[in-house]
Protein backbone atom coordinates (compact mmCIF):
# COMPACT_ATOMS: atom_id res chain seq x y z
CA TYR A 1 -35.89 27.29 10.23
CA ASN A 2 -39.25 28.95 9.66
CA GLN A 3 -38.25 32.53 9.00
CA GLU A 4 -41.64 34.13 9.84
CA ALA A 5 -41.85 32.25 13.12
CA ARG A 6 -38.40 33.44 14.14
CA VAL A 7 -39.38 37.05 13.30
CA ARG A 8 -42.45 36.82 15.50
CA GLN A 9 -40.59 35.01 18.29
CA HIS A 10 -37.52 37.21 18.53
CA LYS A 11 -38.85 40.38 16.92
CA LEU A 12 -35.47 40.77 15.17
CA PRO A 13 -34.86 42.77 12.01
CA LEU A 14 -35.22 40.68 8.87
CA LYS A 15 -31.66 41.48 7.79
CA LYS A 16 -30.17 39.95 10.93
CA LEU A 17 -32.43 36.96 10.66
CA ASN A 18 -31.37 36.37 7.07
CA LYS A 19 -27.72 36.38 8.14
CA SER A 20 -28.46 33.88 10.87
CA VAL A 21 -30.34 31.61 8.48
CA LYS A 22 -27.52 31.80 5.95
CA ARG A 23 -25.00 30.87 8.61
CA ASP A 24 -27.15 27.91 9.63
CA ILE A 25 -27.33 26.71 6.03
CA GLN A 26 -23.60 27.19 5.64
CA THR A 27 -22.92 25.19 8.79
CA ARG A 28 -25.07 22.32 7.58
CA GLN A 29 -23.26 22.31 4.24
CA ILE A 30 -19.90 22.24 5.99
CA GLN A 31 -21.06 19.43 8.25
CA ASP A 32 -22.31 17.45 5.23
CA ALA A 33 -18.99 18.00 3.44
CA ILE A 34 -17.01 16.73 6.43
CA THR A 35 -19.29 13.70 6.81
CA ASN A 36 -19.02 12.94 3.10
CA VAL A 37 -15.21 12.97 3.19
CA GLU A 38 -15.16 10.89 6.36
CA LYS A 39 -17.41 8.25 4.84
CA HIS A 40 -15.86 7.89 1.39
CA PHE A 41 -12.22 8.35 2.36
CA GLY A 42 -12.74 5.72 5.04
CA GLU A 43 -14.26 3.31 2.53
CA MET A 44 -11.50 3.91 -0.02
CA CYS A 45 -8.86 3.42 2.67
CA GLN A 46 -10.32 0.05 3.64
CA ILE A 47 -10.62 -1.09 0.02
CA PHE A 48 -7.08 -0.02 -0.84
CA ALA A 49 -5.80 -1.81 2.27
CA ALA A 50 -7.62 -4.97 1.15
CA TYR A 51 -6.12 -4.51 -2.34
CA VAL A 52 -2.63 -4.41 -0.82
CA ARG A 53 -3.30 -7.52 1.28
CA LYS A 54 -4.55 -9.37 -1.80
CA THR A 55 -1.41 -8.36 -3.68
CA ALA A 56 0.75 -9.63 -0.80
CA ARG A 57 -1.12 -12.95 -0.81
CA LEU A 58 -0.62 -13.20 -4.58
CA ARG A 59 3.12 -12.70 -3.98
CA ASP A 60 3.11 -15.55 -1.43
CA LYS A 61 1.26 -17.89 -3.81
CA ALA A 62 3.71 -17.06 -6.59
CA ASP A 63 6.60 -17.95 -4.26
CA LEU A 64 4.99 -21.34 -3.65
CA LEU A 65 4.56 -21.80 -7.39
CA VAL A 66 8.24 -21.02 -7.98
CA ARG A 67 9.23 -23.61 -5.38
CA GLU A 68 7.02 -26.29 -6.92
CA ILE A 69 8.30 -25.59 -10.45
CA ASN A 70 11.89 -25.98 -9.23
CA LEU A 71 11.07 -29.29 -7.55
CA PHE A 72 9.42 -30.56 -10.72
CA ALA A 73 12.32 -29.35 -12.89
CA ASP A 74 14.75 -31.47 -10.87
CA THR A 75 12.93 -34.61 -12.06
CA GLU A 76 12.89 -33.70 -15.75
CA THR A 77 15.23 -34.10 -18.73
CA PRO A 78 18.15 -31.63 -18.97
CA ASN A 79 16.61 -29.42 -21.66
CA MET A 80 13.24 -29.26 -19.91
CA LYS A 81 14.97 -28.71 -16.57
CA PHE A 82 16.88 -25.71 -17.88
CA GLY A 83 13.75 -24.12 -19.35
CA LEU A 84 11.68 -24.62 -16.20
CA LYS A 85 14.46 -23.38 -13.91
CA SER A 86 14.88 -20.24 -16.03
CA PHE A 87 11.12 -19.68 -16.06
CA ALA A 88 10.96 -20.03 -12.26
CA GLU A 89 13.86 -17.61 -11.85
CA GLU A 90 12.04 -14.90 -13.84
CA LEU A 91 8.88 -15.52 -11.85
CA ALA A 92 10.82 -15.24 -8.59
CA LYS A 93 12.39 -11.93 -9.65
CA LEU A 94 8.92 -10.63 -10.46
CA GLN A 95 7.85 -11.30 -6.86
CA ASP A 96 10.61 -8.99 -5.64
CA TYR A 97 9.00 -6.21 -7.68
CA ARG A 98 5.60 -7.22 -6.32
CA GLN A 99 6.96 -6.87 -2.79
CA ALA A 100 8.14 -3.35 -3.66
CA GLU A 101 4.68 -2.65 -5.05
CA VAL A 102 3.07 -3.75 -1.77
CA GLU A 103 5.37 -1.54 0.31
CA ARG A 104 4.89 1.51 -1.92
CA LEU A 105 1.10 1.13 -2.00
CA GLU A 106 1.05 0.93 1.78
CA ALA A 107 3.18 4.07 2.17
CA LYS A 108 1.89 6.20 -0.73
CA VAL A 109 -1.79 5.29 -0.88
CA VAL A 110 -3.12 3.64 2.27
CA GLU A 111 -1.33 5.81 4.83
CA PRO A 112 -2.37 9.19 3.31
CA LEU A 113 -5.99 8.10 3.23
CA LYS A 114 -5.73 6.76 6.77
CA SER A 115 -4.36 10.12 7.97
CA TYR A 116 -7.66 11.75 7.06
CA GLY A 117 -9.21 10.14 10.11
CA ALA A 118 -7.26 12.56 12.33
CA ILE A 119 -7.90 15.48 9.96
CA ILE A 120 -11.64 14.84 10.01
CA LYS A 121 -11.55 14.75 13.79
CA LEU A 122 -9.95 18.22 13.92
CA LYS A 123 -12.50 19.63 11.48
CA ARG A 124 -15.32 18.29 13.57
CA GLU A 125 -13.80 20.03 16.58
CA ASP A 126 -13.77 23.29 14.60
CA LEU A 127 -17.36 22.74 13.61
CA LYS A 128 -18.27 22.04 17.23
CA VAL A 129 -16.74 25.38 18.30
CA THR A 130 -18.78 27.17 15.62
CA LEU A 131 -21.99 25.47 16.66
CA SER A 132 -21.33 26.40 20.29
CA ALA A 133 -20.93 30.05 19.26
CA ARG A 134 -24.18 29.86 17.28
CA ASN A 135 -25.95 28.36 20.28
CA ARG A 136 -24.69 31.16 22.52
CA GLU A 137 -25.98 33.70 20.01
CA ALA A 138 -29.39 32.01 19.89
CA LYS A 139 -29.46 31.85 23.68
CA GLN A 140 -28.74 35.60 23.93
CA MET A 141 -31.52 36.30 21.44
CA THR A 142 -33.95 34.35 23.58
CA GLN A 143 -32.71 36.10 26.72
CA LEU A 144 -33.19 39.52 25.14
CA GLU A 145 -36.76 38.74 24.17
CA LYS A 146 -37.56 37.51 27.66
CA THR A 147 -36.06 40.66 29.15
CA ARG A 148 -38.12 42.85 26.87
CA GLN A 149 -41.28 40.99 27.80
CA ARG A 150 -40.63 41.05 31.55
CA ASN A 151 -39.18 44.55 31.85
CA PRO A 152 -40.28 46.52 28.80
CA SER A 153 -39.55 49.84 30.51
CA ASP A 154 -36.16 48.98 32.05
CA ARG A 155 -33.79 50.34 29.40
CA GLN A 156 -30.69 49.48 31.40
CA ILE A 157 -31.41 45.76 31.57
CA ILE A 158 -32.53 45.72 27.95
CA SER A 159 -29.39 47.56 26.83
CA GLN A 160 -27.22 45.10 28.74
CA ALA A 161 -29.00 42.17 27.10
CA GLU A 162 -28.62 43.82 23.70
CA SER A 163 -24.88 44.31 24.33
CA GLU A 164 -24.47 40.68 25.29
CA LEU A 165 -26.36 39.63 22.18
CA GLN A 166 -24.18 41.87 20.05
CA ARG A 167 -21.00 40.34 21.49
CA ALA A 168 -22.38 36.84 20.97
CA THR A 169 -23.35 37.71 17.40
CA MET A 170 -19.92 39.17 16.64
CA ASP A 171 -18.23 36.16 18.23
CA ALA A 172 -20.39 33.78 16.19
CA ALA A 173 -19.68 35.72 12.99
CA ARG A 174 -15.92 35.67 13.65
CA ILE A 175 -15.87 31.96 14.38
CA SER A 176 -18.03 31.30 11.32
CA ARG A 177 -15.53 33.17 9.12
CA GLN A 178 -12.70 31.17 10.63
CA LEU A 179 -14.59 27.96 10.02
CA GLU A 180 -15.29 29.01 6.46
CA GLU A 181 -11.59 29.67 5.87
CA THR A 182 -10.65 26.39 7.53
CA ILE A 183 -13.12 24.40 5.45
CA ASP A 184 -11.98 26.20 2.31
CA ASN A 185 -8.38 25.17 3.02
CA PHE A 186 -9.58 21.68 3.90
CA GLU A 187 -11.34 21.38 0.55
CA LYS A 188 -8.26 22.57 -1.33
CA GLN A 189 -6.03 20.14 0.57
CA LYS A 190 -8.50 17.32 0.03
CA ILE A 191 -8.45 17.80 -3.74
CA LYS A 192 -4.65 18.09 -3.77
CA ASP A 193 -4.17 14.99 -1.61
CA LEU A 194 -6.68 12.98 -3.61
CA LYS A 195 -4.97 13.83 -6.89
CA LYS A 196 -1.56 12.97 -5.44
CA THR A 197 -2.76 9.69 -3.91
CA PHE A 198 -4.43 8.46 -7.08
CA CYS A 199 -1.48 9.53 -9.25
CA GLU A 200 0.85 7.63 -6.91
CA PHE A 201 -1.38 4.58 -7.23
CA ILE A 202 -1.27 4.74 -11.02
CA ASN A 203 2.51 5.28 -11.10
CA ILE A 204 3.15 2.36 -8.74
CA GLU A 205 0.92 0.04 -10.76
CA MET A 206 2.39 1.15 -14.08
CA SER A 207 5.93 0.67 -12.78
CA PHE A 208 5.14 -2.83 -11.55
CA HIS A 209 3.33 -3.89 -14.71
CA ALA A 210 6.14 -2.55 -16.90
CA LYS A 211 8.57 -4.78 -15.00
CA ALA A 212 6.04 -7.61 -15.07
CA LEU A 213 5.83 -7.34 -18.87
CA GLU A 214 9.63 -7.54 -19.05
CA MET A 215 9.83 -10.54 -16.72
CA TYR A 216 6.94 -12.38 -18.35
CA THR A 217 8.46 -11.83 -21.81
CA ALA A 218 11.73 -13.42 -20.68
CA ALA A 219 9.84 -16.25 -18.95
CA TYR A 220 7.83 -16.91 -22.12
CA GLN A 221 11.00 -17.12 -24.18
CA HIS A 222 12.54 -19.64 -21.78
CA ILE A 223 9.50 -21.89 -22.05
CA ASP A 224 9.18 -21.43 -25.80
CA ASN A 225 12.86 -22.36 -26.30
CA ILE A 226 12.42 -25.84 -24.81
CA ASP A 227 13.34 -28.36 -27.55
CA GLU A 228 10.52 -30.89 -27.54
CA GLU A 229 12.19 -33.32 -29.93
CA GLU A 230 15.38 -33.43 -27.89
CA ASP A 231 13.46 -34.11 -24.71
CA ILE A 232 11.45 -36.86 -26.42
CA GLN A 233 14.65 -38.53 -27.60
CA VAL A 234 16.10 -38.41 -24.09
CA PHE A 235 12.90 -39.86 -22.70
CA ARG A 236 12.80 -42.66 -25.26
CA SER A 237 16.42 -43.49 -24.58
CA SER A 238 15.61 -43.84 -20.91
CA LEU A 239 12.95 -46.41 -21.80
CA HIS A 240 15.43 -48.54 -23.81
CA PRO A 241 18.83 -48.49 -22.10
CA PRO A 242 21.86 -50.36 -23.72
CA ASP A 243 22.60 -54.02 -22.75
CA TYR A 244 25.04 -53.59 -19.92
CA PRO A 245 25.90 -56.64 -17.69
CA SER A 246 23.78 -56.73 -14.61
CA ARG A 247 25.28 -56.26 -11.19
CA LEU A 248 24.62 -59.91 -10.35
CA ASP A 249 26.46 -61.03 -13.48
CA VAL A 250 29.40 -58.85 -12.59
CA VAL A 251 29.49 -60.30 -9.08
CA ARG A 252 29.29 -63.86 -10.45
CA ALA A 253 32.08 -63.20 -12.96
CA ASN A 254 34.27 -61.73 -10.25
CA SER A 255 33.57 -64.72 -8.00
CA LYS A 256 34.46 -67.18 -10.78
CA LEU A 257 37.66 -65.34 -11.55
CA THR A 258 38.63 -65.40 -7.89
CA PHE A 259 37.83 -69.13 -7.69
CA ASP A 260 39.93 -69.92 -10.78
CA ARG A 261 42.81 -67.93 -9.43
CA THR A 262 42.62 -69.82 -6.11
CA ASN A 263 42.60 -73.23 -7.85
CA SER A 264 45.48 -72.21 -10.04
CA ALA A 265 47.48 -71.15 -7.02
CA LYS A 266 46.73 -74.47 -5.28
CA HIS A 267 47.76 -76.43 -8.38
CA THR A 268 50.98 -74.48 -8.72
CA SER A 269 51.75 -75.07 -5.07
CA GLN A 270 51.12 -78.80 -5.45
CA ILE A 271 53.44 -79.03 -8.46
CA SER A 272 56.14 -77.23 -6.57
CA SER A 273 55.81 -79.67 -3.67
CA ASN A 274 56.07 -82.69 -5.99
CA GLN A 275 59.11 -81.30 -7.72
CA LYS A 276 60.78 -80.64 -4.41
CA LYS A 277 60.03 -84.16 -3.20
CA LYS A 278 61.39 -85.68 -6.42
CA MET A 279 64.58 -83.68 -6.12
CA GLU A 280 65.06 -84.88 -2.56
CA GLU A 281 64.59 -88.51 -3.67
CA GLU A 282 67.15 -88.07 -6.43
CA GLU A 283 69.64 -86.62 -3.97
CA GLU A 284 69.14 -89.60 -1.66
CA GLU A 285 69.76 -92.04 -4.53
CA ASP A 286 72.94 -90.24 -5.42
CA GLU A 287 74.12 -90.50 -1.85
CA ASP A 288 73.40 -94.27 -1.81
CA GLU A 289 75.42 -94.79 -4.96
CA GLU A 290 78.35 -92.92 -3.51
CA ASP A 291 78.26 -95.09 -0.38
CA GLU A 292 78.35 -98.29 -2.52
CA LEU A 293 81.33 -97.02 -4.43
CA ASP A 294 83.19 -96.29 -1.22
CA VAL A 295 82.58 -99.87 0.06
CA THR A 296 83.88 -101.44 -3.20
CA ASP A 297 87.04 -99.41 -3.05
CA ASP A 298 87.76 -100.55 0.49
CA GLU A 299 87.44 -104.24 -0.46
CA ASN A 300 89.85 -103.86 -3.30
């Protein structure tokens, strides 16, 4: 405000005007401080939330990688398979820690920053109350000057206007002190919360990366321990398998054996039939000889 113009307009003592100007400057500073926190805390909250979402997506991609490594390991030589499976297991365990990181960041970093939206809203309400009190004070000042101009000799009306101005001024001063105390506490809490939030962020990240270093070290050892020469030998052996009889040869051999056995059985059966027939013929001859002997005896 233009101080000289306000002196001429309201014809107030310079001391009172200086207090009013100081309060106006203070109010603007408080308003700027609230706006600054609202802007930057909001931006940090959004960026941290995006950071958490990116971390969650990284966890999902790592899970897909673990699955693919396991599928590939199932097609490899035993030594390679063991190394890849062990590597994938360490990588999978790391994603459990990454999930814990995501949950802790959401609870310890994003949510505290998000809560400042409601806090800022309350501080703006306090500032609004203060501005309303300042407006009432300014209105009473204007009313007093109009009364003095219209009724310069009516001391009763002027005294009443002065009393109302005094009450408005005292009310504005009281509310301004309350706002000053509120903003002072707000500033202290802001610094405390900001320190706590950023320290939580660092602790969460350090905890995760310490575990990540442990898991990655174990995973590196599993991969480094894969015996290349052994795997090469297994691979070369698979290219030159030993000369085993083919399935068709086995089937043919089995068929021939079955055929030979069948022929042998038929031959044996035929021999048995011939022998039986020969024995029957011999028995018949014996019977004929006996009959001839009987006839000769009768004639004698």
